[in-house]
Amino acid sequence: MMGHNDSSVAEKKSSDPTNDIPNFNSENLQSNMKTIYYSRTFLSIIGGVIAGISGFTSLTGFIFYFLVMAITSVGLIAKAGFSIHSYFDSWNRVVLDGFFSGLMSFVLFWTFAYDIVHIF
């Protein structure tokens, strides 16, 4: 941590433009994003099956989906060692990307599992 007496160090860092711009390998960033999308899609399917078997209907099922996606986000952040900026360019990549893309998979498997268990 920088104290009040370290102002000369802060001036050197702020004047150096290479320290301000993070450097990412685009192939690694793309691979990390694929991992996020695959994880969210897989957990959406599993969550949909669990919600259908549990008999969740209407708002309860959607709340369960958002809970599953929140747990997925926390799991991905923990997998990155709580050092998001080492693997992604922003927090939005981990927390929000793919959040609604898995919704269709969730709803499909939710209704499918609900129909099989509770209707037929």
N, C-alpha and C. Protein backbone atom coordinates (compact mmCIF):
# COMPACT_ATOMS: atom_id res chain seq x y z
N MET A 1 0.84 -1.17 0.00
CA MET A 1 0.00 0.00 0.00
C MET A 1 0.88 1.24 0.00
N MET A 2 0.40 2.25 -0.63
CA MET A 2 1.18 3.47 -0.77
C MET A 2 0.76 4.45 0.31
N GLY A 3 1.73 4.99 1.02
CA GLY A 3 1.46 5.97 2.07
C GLY A 3 1.58 7.39 1.54
N HIS A 4 1.54 8.34 2.44
CA HIS A 4 1.63 9.75 2.06
C HIS A 4 3.04 10.13 1.62
N ASN A 5 4.06 9.46 2.09
CA ASN A 5 5.44 9.80 1.77
C ASN A 5 5.90 9.25 0.43
N ASP A 6 5.07 8.48 -0.23
CA ASP A 6 5.44 7.85 -1.50
C ASP A 6 4.92 8.62 -2.70
N SER A 7 4.83 9.92 -2.63
CA SER A 7 4.26 10.70 -3.73
C SER A 7 5.15 10.68 -4.98
N SER A 8 6.47 10.59 -4.81
CA SER A 8 7.35 10.55 -5.98
C SER A 8 7.14 9.26 -6.76
N VAL A 9 6.88 8.16 -6.07
CA VAL A 9 6.62 6.89 -6.75
C VAL A 9 5.31 6.98 -7.51
N ALA A 10 4.31 7.63 -6.93
CA ALA A 10 3.01 7.75 -7.59
C ALA A 10 3.12 8.62 -8.83
N GLU A 11 3.95 9.67 -8.79
CA GLU A 11 4.12 10.52 -9.96
C GLU A 11 4.81 9.77 -11.09
N LYS A 12 5.78 8.94 -10.76
CA LYS A 12 6.46 8.15 -11.79
C LYS A 12 5.50 7.16 -12.45
N LYS A 13 4.66 6.51 -11.64
CA LYS A 13 3.73 5.54 -12.19
C LYS A 13 2.67 6.21 -13.05
N SER A 14 2.17 7.36 -12.65
CA SER A 14 1.11 8.02 -13.41
C SER A 14 1.65 8.62 -14.71
N SER A 15 2.94 8.94 -14.78
CA SER A 15 3.48 9.51 -16.01
C SER A 15 3.87 8.43 -17.01
N ASP A 16 3.96 7.19 -16.61
CA ASP A 16 4.34 6.10 -17.51
C ASP A 16 3.08 5.52 -18.15
N PRO A 17 2.85 5.76 -19.45
CA PRO A 17 1.61 5.32 -20.08
C PRO A 17 1.51 3.80 -20.26
N THR A 18 2.61 3.08 -20.21
CA THR A 18 2.53 1.62 -20.40
C THR A 18 1.92 0.92 -19.21
N ASN A 19 1.94 1.53 -18.03
CA ASN A 19 1.35 0.91 -16.85
C ASN A 19 -0.15 1.11 -16.79
N ASP A 20 -0.71 2.04 -17.55
CA ASP A 20 -2.14 2.34 -17.49
C ASP A 20 -2.97 1.37 -18.32
N ILE A 21 -2.41 0.80 -19.35
CA ILE A 21 -3.16 -0.04 -20.27
C ILE A 21 -2.88 -1.51 -19.96
N PRO A 22 -3.94 -2.28 -19.59
CA PRO A 22 -3.68 -3.70 -19.34
C PRO A 22 -3.42 -4.44 -20.65
N ASN A 23 -2.60 -5.47 -20.58
CA ASN A 23 -2.22 -6.23 -21.75
C ASN A 23 -2.84 -7.63 -21.64
N PHE A 24 -3.70 -7.99 -22.62
CA PHE A 24 -4.35 -9.29 -22.62
C PHE A 24 -4.03 -10.01 -23.91
N ASN A 25 -3.89 -11.31 -23.80
CA ASN A 25 -3.75 -12.16 -24.98
C ASN A 25 -5.17 -12.46 -25.45
N SER A 26 -5.50 -12.10 -26.69
CA SER A 26 -6.87 -12.23 -27.17
C SER A 26 -7.33 -13.69 -27.24
N GLU A 27 -6.40 -14.60 -27.54
CA GLU A 27 -6.78 -16.01 -27.60
C GLU A 27 -7.13 -16.54 -26.22
N ASN A 28 -6.37 -16.15 -25.22
CA ASN A 28 -6.67 -16.57 -23.85
C ASN A 28 -7.98 -15.97 -23.35
N LEU A 29 -8.21 -14.70 -23.68
CA LEU A 29 -9.45 -14.03 -23.28
C LEU A 29 -10.65 -14.71 -23.94
N GLN A 30 -10.52 -15.06 -25.21
CA GLN A 30 -11.60 -15.73 -25.92
C GLN A 30 -11.84 -17.13 -25.33
N SER A 31 -10.79 -17.84 -24.98
CA SER A 31 -10.93 -19.15 -24.36
C SER A 31 -11.62 -19.04 -23.00
N ASN A 32 -11.28 -18.03 -22.24
CA ASN A 32 -11.92 -17.81 -20.94
C ASN A 32 -13.40 -17.49 -21.10
N MET A 33 -13.74 -16.71 -22.13
CA MET A 33 -15.15 -16.38 -22.37
C MET A 33 -15.93 -17.62 -22.80
N LYS A 34 -15.32 -18.49 -23.60
CA LYS A 34 -15.99 -19.74 -23.98
C LYS A 34 -16.26 -20.59 -22.75
N THR A 35 -15.32 -20.61 -21.84
CA THR A 35 -15.50 -21.37 -20.61
C THR A 35 -16.67 -20.84 -19.80
N ILE A 36 -16.80 -19.52 -19.75
CA ILE A 36 -17.93 -18.92 -19.03
C ILE A 36 -19.24 -19.30 -19.69
N TYR A 37 -19.32 -19.19 -21.02
CA TYR A 37 -20.57 -19.52 -21.72
C TYR A 37 -20.92 -21.00 -21.56
N TYR A 38 -19.94 -21.89 -21.67
CA TYR A 38 -20.21 -23.32 -21.51
C TYR A 38 -20.66 -23.62 -20.08
N SER A 39 -20.02 -23.00 -19.11
CA SER A 39 -20.39 -23.23 -17.71
C SER A 39 -21.81 -22.76 -17.44
N ARG A 40 -22.13 -21.57 -17.94
CA ARG A 40 -23.47 -21.03 -17.71
C ARG A 40 -24.54 -21.87 -18.43
N THR A 41 -24.25 -22.31 -19.64
CA THR A 41 -25.22 -23.12 -20.37
C THR A 41 -25.43 -24.46 -19.67
N PHE A 42 -24.34 -25.10 -19.27
CA PHE A 42 -24.46 -26.39 -18.59
C PHE A 42 -25.23 -26.25 -17.28
N LEU A 43 -24.91 -25.24 -16.48
CA LEU A 43 -25.60 -25.06 -15.21
C LEU A 43 -27.03 -24.58 -15.40
N SER A 44 -27.33 -23.93 -16.53
CA SER A 44 -28.72 -23.58 -16.84
C SER A 44 -29.54 -24.83 -17.11
N ILE A 45 -28.96 -25.76 -17.84
CA ILE A 45 -29.65 -27.02 -18.12
C ILE A 45 -29.87 -27.81 -16.82
N ILE A 46 -28.82 -27.95 -16.03
CA ILE A 46 -28.93 -28.67 -14.76
C ILE A 46 -29.93 -27.97 -13.83
N GLY A 47 -29.86 -26.66 -13.75
CA GLY A 47 -30.79 -25.90 -12.92
C GLY A 47 -32.22 -26.03 -13.40
N GLY A 48 -32.42 -26.06 -14.72
CA GLY A 48 -33.77 -26.25 -15.27
C GLY A 48 -34.34 -27.60 -14.91
N VAL A 49 -33.52 -28.63 -14.99
CA VAL A 49 -33.98 -29.98 -14.62
C VAL A 49 -34.32 -30.02 -13.13
N ILE A 50 -33.47 -29.44 -12.30
CA ILE A 50 -33.74 -29.43 -10.85
C ILE A 50 -35.00 -28.64 -10.54
N ALA A 51 -35.19 -27.49 -11.19
CA ALA A 51 -36.39 -26.69 -10.96
C ALA A 51 -37.64 -27.44 -11.42
N GLY A 52 -37.55 -28.15 -12.53
CA GLY A 52 -38.70 -28.91 -13.02
C GLY A 52 -39.04 -30.08 -12.11
N ILE A 53 -38.04 -30.81 -11.68
CA ILE A 53 -38.28 -31.94 -10.79
C ILE A 53 -38.80 -31.46 -9.44
N SER A 54 -38.30 -30.33 -8.97
CA SER A 54 -38.75 -29.77 -7.69
C SER A 54 -40.15 -29.21 -7.76
N GLY A 55 -40.65 -28.99 -8.95
CA GLY A 55 -42.01 -28.49 -9.11
C GLY A 55 -42.14 -26.98 -8.99
N PHE A 56 -41.05 -26.27 -9.22
CA PHE A 56 -41.13 -24.81 -9.17
C PHE A 56 -41.98 -24.30 -10.33
N THR A 57 -42.83 -23.34 -10.05
CA THR A 57 -43.65 -22.73 -11.10
C THR A 57 -43.53 -21.22 -11.02
N SER A 58 -43.79 -20.59 -12.12
CA SER A 58 -43.82 -19.13 -12.31
C SER A 58 -42.60 -18.43 -11.71
N LEU A 59 -42.82 -17.50 -10.82
CA LEU A 59 -41.76 -16.64 -10.30
C LEU A 59 -40.72 -17.42 -9.51
N THR A 60 -41.13 -18.47 -8.84
CA THR A 60 -40.20 -19.27 -8.05
C THR A 60 -39.12 -19.88 -8.93
N GLY A 61 -39.50 -20.35 -10.12
CA GLY A 61 -38.54 -20.93 -11.04
C GLY A 61 -37.54 -19.90 -11.54
N PHE A 62 -38.01 -18.70 -11.84
CA PHE A 62 -37.09 -17.66 -12.32
C PHE A 62 -36.16 -17.18 -11.22
N ILE A 63 -36.67 -17.11 -10.01
CA ILE A 63 -35.80 -16.75 -8.88
C ILE A 63 -34.73 -17.82 -8.70
N PHE A 64 -35.12 -19.09 -8.88
CA PHE A 64 -34.14 -20.18 -8.80
C PHE A 64 -33.09 -20.03 -9.88
N TYR A 65 -33.50 -19.64 -11.09
CA TYR A 65 -32.52 -19.43 -12.17
C TYR A 65 -31.52 -18.34 -11.81
N PHE A 66 -32.01 -17.22 -11.32
CA PHE A 66 -31.11 -16.13 -10.96
C PHE A 66 -30.19 -16.53 -9.80
N LEU A 67 -30.69 -17.35 -8.89
CA LEU A 67 -29.86 -17.86 -7.81
C LEU A 67 -28.76 -18.78 -8.35
N VAL A 68 -29.11 -19.64 -9.29
CA VAL A 68 -28.11 -20.54 -9.90
C VAL A 68 -27.06 -19.72 -10.64
N MET A 69 -27.47 -18.69 -11.36
CA MET A 69 -26.51 -17.86 -12.10
C MET A 69 -25.63 -17.05 -11.16
N ALA A 70 -26.17 -16.61 -10.02
CA ALA A 70 -25.35 -15.90 -9.04
C ALA A 70 -24.31 -16.83 -8.44
N ILE A 71 -24.71 -18.06 -8.13
CA ILE A 71 -23.76 -19.04 -7.59
C ILE A 71 -22.71 -19.37 -8.65
N THR A 72 -23.12 -19.44 -9.91
CA THR A 72 -22.17 -19.69 -10.99
C THR A 72 -21.15 -18.56 -11.09
N SER A 73 -21.61 -17.32 -10.98
CA SER A 73 -20.69 -16.18 -11.02
C SER A 73 -19.68 -16.23 -9.88
N VAL A 74 -20.16 -16.54 -8.69
CA VAL A 74 -19.26 -16.63 -7.53
C VAL A 74 -18.27 -17.78 -7.73
N GLY A 75 -18.74 -18.89 -8.28
CA GLY A 75 -17.85 -20.02 -8.54
C GLY A 75 -16.78 -19.68 -9.56
N LEU A 76 -17.16 -18.96 -10.62
CA LEU A 76 -16.19 -18.56 -11.64
C LEU A 76 -15.16 -17.57 -11.08
N ILE A 77 -15.62 -16.67 -10.23
CA ILE A 77 -14.71 -15.72 -9.60
C ILE A 77 -13.75 -16.46 -8.66
N ALA A 78 -14.27 -17.44 -7.92
CA ALA A 78 -13.41 -18.23 -7.04
C ALA A 78 -12.41 -19.05 -7.84
N LYS A 79 -12.86 -19.59 -8.99
CA LYS A 79 -11.96 -20.37 -9.85
C LYS A 79 -10.82 -19.50 -10.38
N ALA A 80 -11.11 -18.21 -10.60
CA ALA A 80 -10.08 -17.28 -11.06
C ALA A 80 -9.21 -16.78 -9.91
N GLY A 81 -9.45 -17.29 -8.73
CA GLY A 81 -8.64 -16.90 -7.58
C GLY A 81 -8.92 -15.49 -7.11
N PHE A 82 -10.15 -15.01 -7.35
CA PHE A 82 -10.57 -13.66 -6.97
C PHE A 82 -9.67 -12.60 -7.59
N SER A 83 -9.00 -12.94 -8.66
CA SER A 83 -8.14 -12.03 -9.40
C SER A 83 -8.69 -11.90 -10.82
N ILE A 84 -9.82 -11.25 -10.94
CA ILE A 84 -10.55 -11.18 -12.21
C ILE A 84 -9.73 -10.48 -13.28
N HIS A 85 -9.04 -9.42 -12.94
CA HIS A 85 -8.33 -8.63 -13.94
C HIS A 85 -7.10 -9.35 -14.51
N SER A 86 -6.75 -10.49 -13.95
CA SER A 86 -5.67 -11.29 -14.53
C SER A 86 -6.17 -12.13 -15.71
N TYR A 87 -7.47 -12.43 -15.73
CA TYR A 87 -8.02 -13.32 -16.74
C TYR A 87 -9.05 -12.66 -17.65
N PHE A 88 -9.67 -11.57 -17.20
CA PHE A 88 -10.72 -10.89 -17.96
C PHE A 88 -10.46 -9.39 -17.94
N ASP A 89 -11.05 -8.68 -18.89
CA ASP A 89 -10.82 -7.25 -18.94
C ASP A 89 -11.75 -6.45 -18.04
N SER A 90 -12.84 -7.05 -17.54
CA SER A 90 -13.72 -6.34 -16.63
C SER A 90 -14.54 -7.34 -15.81
N TRP A 91 -15.16 -6.83 -14.76
CA TRP A 91 -16.02 -7.65 -13.92
C TRP A 91 -17.28 -8.07 -14.68
N ASN A 92 -17.73 -7.24 -15.60
CA ASN A 92 -18.95 -7.55 -16.35
C ASN A 92 -18.82 -8.84 -17.14
N ARG A 93 -17.62 -9.17 -17.55
CA ARG A 93 -17.40 -10.41 -18.31
C ARG A 93 -17.78 -11.63 -17.48
N VAL A 94 -17.47 -11.60 -16.22
CA VAL A 94 -17.72 -12.76 -15.37
C VAL A 94 -19.14 -12.73 -14.80
N VAL A 95 -19.58 -11.57 -14.38
CA VAL A 95 -20.85 -11.47 -13.67
C VAL A 95 -22.04 -11.45 -14.61
N LEU A 96 -21.97 -10.73 -15.72
CA LEU A 96 -23.15 -10.52 -16.55
C LEU A 96 -23.16 -11.24 -17.89
N ASP A 97 -22.01 -11.47 -18.50
CA ASP A 97 -22.00 -12.10 -19.82
C ASP A 97 -22.55 -13.52 -19.75
N GLY A 98 -23.48 -13.80 -20.62
CA GLY A 98 -24.10 -15.11 -20.67
C GLY A 98 -25.18 -15.31 -19.63
N PHE A 99 -25.50 -14.27 -18.89
CA PHE A 99 -26.51 -14.38 -17.83
C PHE A 99 -27.88 -14.68 -18.42
N PHE A 100 -28.25 -13.98 -19.49
CA PHE A 100 -29.56 -14.20 -20.10
C PHE A 100 -29.51 -15.17 -21.27
N SER A 101 -28.34 -15.51 -21.75
CA SER A 101 -28.26 -16.46 -22.86
C SER A 101 -28.61 -17.87 -22.41
N GLY A 102 -28.38 -18.19 -21.16
CA GLY A 102 -28.73 -19.50 -20.64
C GLY A 102 -30.18 -19.61 -20.23
N LEU A 103 -30.92 -18.51 -20.31
CA LEU A 103 -32.32 -18.51 -19.88
C LEU A 103 -33.19 -19.43 -20.73
N MET A 104 -32.94 -19.47 -22.04
CA MET A 104 -33.75 -20.33 -22.90
C MET A 104 -33.48 -21.80 -22.60
N SER A 105 -32.23 -22.16 -22.36
CA SER A 105 -31.92 -23.54 -21.99
C SER A 105 -32.59 -23.90 -20.68
N PHE A 106 -32.55 -22.97 -19.73
CA PHE A 106 -33.18 -23.21 -18.44
C PHE A 106 -34.68 -23.45 -18.59
N VAL A 107 -35.34 -22.57 -19.33
CA VAL A 107 -36.80 -22.69 -19.48
C VAL A 107 -37.16 -23.97 -20.23
N LEU A 108 -36.41 -24.32 -21.25
CA LEU A 108 -36.68 -25.53 -22.01
C LEU A 108 -36.60 -26.77 -21.12
N PHE A 109 -35.52 -26.92 -20.37
CA PHE A 109 -35.36 -28.10 -19.53
C PHE A 109 -36.23 -28.03 -18.27
N TRP A 110 -36.55 -26.84 -17.83
CA TRP A 110 -37.46 -26.66 -16.69
C TRP A 110 -38.83 -27.20 -17.05
N THR A 111 -39.37 -26.74 -18.17
CA THR A 111 -40.71 -27.21 -18.58
C THR A 111 -40.69 -28.68 -18.95
N PHE A 112 -39.63 -29.15 -19.59
CA PHE A 112 -39.52 -30.56 -19.96
C PHE A 112 -39.52 -31.45 -18.73
N ALA A 113 -38.70 -31.13 -17.74
CA ALA A 113 -38.62 -31.94 -16.52
C ALA A 113 -39.92 -31.84 -15.71
N TYR A 114 -40.51 -30.65 -15.68
CA TYR A 114 -41.77 -30.47 -14.95
C TYR A 114 -42.87 -31.32 -15.58
N ASP A 115 -42.94 -31.31 -16.91
CA ASP A 115 -43.96 -32.09 -17.61
C ASP A 115 -43.78 -33.58 -17.37
N ILE A 116 -42.56 -34.06 -17.44
CA ILE A 116 -42.31 -35.49 -17.26
C ILE A 116 -42.66 -35.95 -15.84
N VAL A 117 -42.27 -35.16 -14.85
CA VAL A 117 -42.43 -35.59 -13.46
C VAL A 117 -43.84 -35.33 -12.93
N HIS A 118 -44.39 -34.17 -13.22
CA HIS A 118 -45.64 -33.76 -12.56
C HIS A 118 -46.88 -33.92 -13.42
N ILE A 119 -46.77 -34.00 -14.72
CA ILE A 119 -47.96 -34.10 -15.57
C ILE A 119 -48.15 -35.51 -16.09
N PHE A 120 -47.08 -36.15 -16.58
CA PHE A 120 -47.26 -37.49 -17.16
C PHE A 120 -47.17 -38.53 -16.12
